């Protein structure tokens, strides 16, 4: 899976740092490739109107979509989004509840 950040402004660095931190915290480095793009083709294809914008792309199923634009979410919001994209909420809660040691879960484990 690829995470692309579309940019032409200074807030891009902050969003890039937040995304990388969230991915590192969740140990998703092997699953997600993060990069920055700045081309008008992508901007027009995904109808990006404000910057920065976060794009998710999965080439194996020919999927590409802008997830949000013009905001920089909190790290916990990014982590929640990545977990729901990669595993789905139900499977994450199920996995989390089976491991009592999962102190890095953002929700209490059962």
Protein backbone atom coordinates (compact mmCIF):
# COMPACT_ATOMS: atom_id res chain seq x y z
CA UNK A 1 0.00 0.00 0.00
CA UNK A 2 1.21 3.47 -0.78
CA UNK A 3 0.53 6.65 1.13
CA UNK A 4 1.08 9.75 -0.97
CA UNK A 5 0.96 13.28 0.28
CA UNK A 6 0.12 15.88 -2.34
CA UNK A 7 1.63 19.23 -1.59
CA UNK A 8 2.63 22.67 -2.67
CA UNK A 9 2.80 24.29 0.75
CA UNK A 10 4.81 24.24 3.97
CA UNK A 11 2.30 22.17 6.00
CA UNK A 12 3.37 19.11 4.03
CA UNK A 13 6.39 18.46 6.23
CA UNK A 14 4.21 18.39 9.35
CA UNK A 15 1.76 15.95 7.75
CA UNK A 16 4.61 13.78 6.49
CA UNK A 17 6.14 13.62 9.96
CA UNK A 18 2.78 12.78 11.56
CA UNK A 19 2.08 10.01 9.01
CA UNK A 20 5.55 8.49 9.39
CA UNK A 21 5.30 8.61 13.19
CA UNK A 22 1.88 6.89 13.16
CA UNK A 23 3.11 4.18 10.78
CA UNK A 24 6.20 3.61 12.92
CA UNK A 25 4.10 3.40 16.10
CA UNK A 26 1.90 0.73 14.49
CA UNK A 27 4.82 -1.21 12.99
CA UNK A 28 3.35 -0.83 9.50
CA UNK A 29 6.61 0.16 7.80
CA UNK A 30 6.69 -3.12 5.88
CA UNK A 31 3.13 -2.62 4.61
CA UNK A 32 3.05 1.07 3.72
CA UNK A 33 5.29 3.11 1.50
CA UNK A 34 5.09 6.86 2.17
CA UNK A 35 5.99 9.47 -0.42
CA UNK A 36 5.32 13.01 -1.58
CA UNK A 37 3.91 13.95 -4.95
CA UNK A 38 3.34 17.29 -6.58
CA UNK A 39 1.84 16.80 -10.03
CA UNK A 40 -1.20 18.31 -11.65
CA UNK A 41 -2.31 14.98 -13.13
CA UNK A 42 -2.90 13.52 -9.65
CA UNK A 43 -4.45 16.77 -8.45
CA UNK A 44 -6.97 16.74 -11.28
CA UNK A 45 -7.57 12.98 -11.18
CA UNK A 46 -8.53 13.04 -7.49
CA UNK A 47 -10.12 16.49 -7.54
CA UNK A 48 -7.78 17.91 -4.89
CA UNK A 49 -8.76 21.48 -4.11
CA UNK A 50 -6.79 22.19 -0.92
CA UNK A 51 -3.34 21.22 0.29
CA UNK A 52 -1.89 19.13 1.76
CA UNK A 53 -3.91 16.04 0.80
CA UNK A 54 -3.39 12.43 1.84
CA UNK A 55 -3.86 9.77 -0.83
CA UNK A 56 -4.05 6.01 -0.39
CA UNK A 57 -3.10 3.81 -3.31
CA UNK A 58 -3.26 0.04 -3.62
CA UNK A 59 -1.93 -1.00 -7.00
CA UNK A 60 -2.90 -4.68 -6.69
CA UNK A 61 -6.60 -3.75 -6.89
CA UNK A 62 -6.22 -0.55 -8.95
CA UNK A 63 -7.41 1.65 -6.10
CA UNK A 64 -6.42 5.26 -5.54
CA UNK A 65 -8.35 7.84 -3.54
CA UNK A 66 -7.83 11.04 -1.63
CA UNK A 67 -8.67 10.38 2.03
CA UNK A 68 -8.56 13.95 3.29
CA UNK A 69 -7.29 17.37 2.33
CA UNK A 70 -6.35 20.65 4.01
CA UNK A 71 -6.13 19.22 7.52
CA UNK A 72 -3.39 17.66 9.58
CA UNK A 73 -5.01 15.05 11.84
CA UNK A 74 -3.71 14.15 15.28
CA UNK A 75 -1.45 11.10 15.45
CA UNK A 76 -4.14 9.02 17.18
CA UNK A 77 -6.57 9.83 14.37
CA UNK A 78 -4.00 8.77 11.77
CA UNK A 79 -3.27 5.55 13.67
CA UNK A 80 -6.96 4.73 13.87
CA UNK A 81 -7.38 5.38 10.15
CA UNK A 82 -4.40 3.20 9.18
CA UNK A 83 -5.57 0.35 11.39
CA UNK A 84 -9.05 0.43 9.91
CA UNK A 85 -7.59 0.48 6.39
CA UNK A 86 -5.13 -2.35 6.93
CA UNK A 87 -7.03 -4.66 9.30
CA UNK A 88 -10.52 -3.32 9.71
CA UNK A 89 -11.88 -2.19 13.06
CA UNK A 90 -13.52 -5.47 14.12
CA UNK A 91 -10.45 -7.57 13.46
CA UNK A 92 -8.21 -5.07 15.26
CA UNK A 93 -10.40 -5.05 18.35
CA UNK A 94 -10.51 -8.84 18.28
CA UNK A 95 -6.74 -9.10 17.95
CA UNK A 96 -6.15 -6.48 20.62
CA UNK A 97 -8.48 -8.18 23.08
CA UNK A 98 -6.62 -11.49 22.78
CA UNK A 99 -3.29 -10.00 23.91
CA UNK A 100 -3.17 -8.68 27.45
CA UNK A 101 0.27 -7.13 26.89
CA UNK A 102 -0.79 -4.82 24.07
CA UNK A 103 0.02 -1.58 25.87
CA UNK A 104 0.53 0.21 22.58
CA UNK A 105 -3.15 -0.17 21.66
CA UNK A 106 -4.86 3.17 21.76
CA UNK A 107 -7.93 1.55 23.31
CA UNK A 108 -7.88 -0.51 26.50
CA UNK A 109 -7.29 -4.21 25.92
CA UNK A 110 -9.63 -6.67 27.61
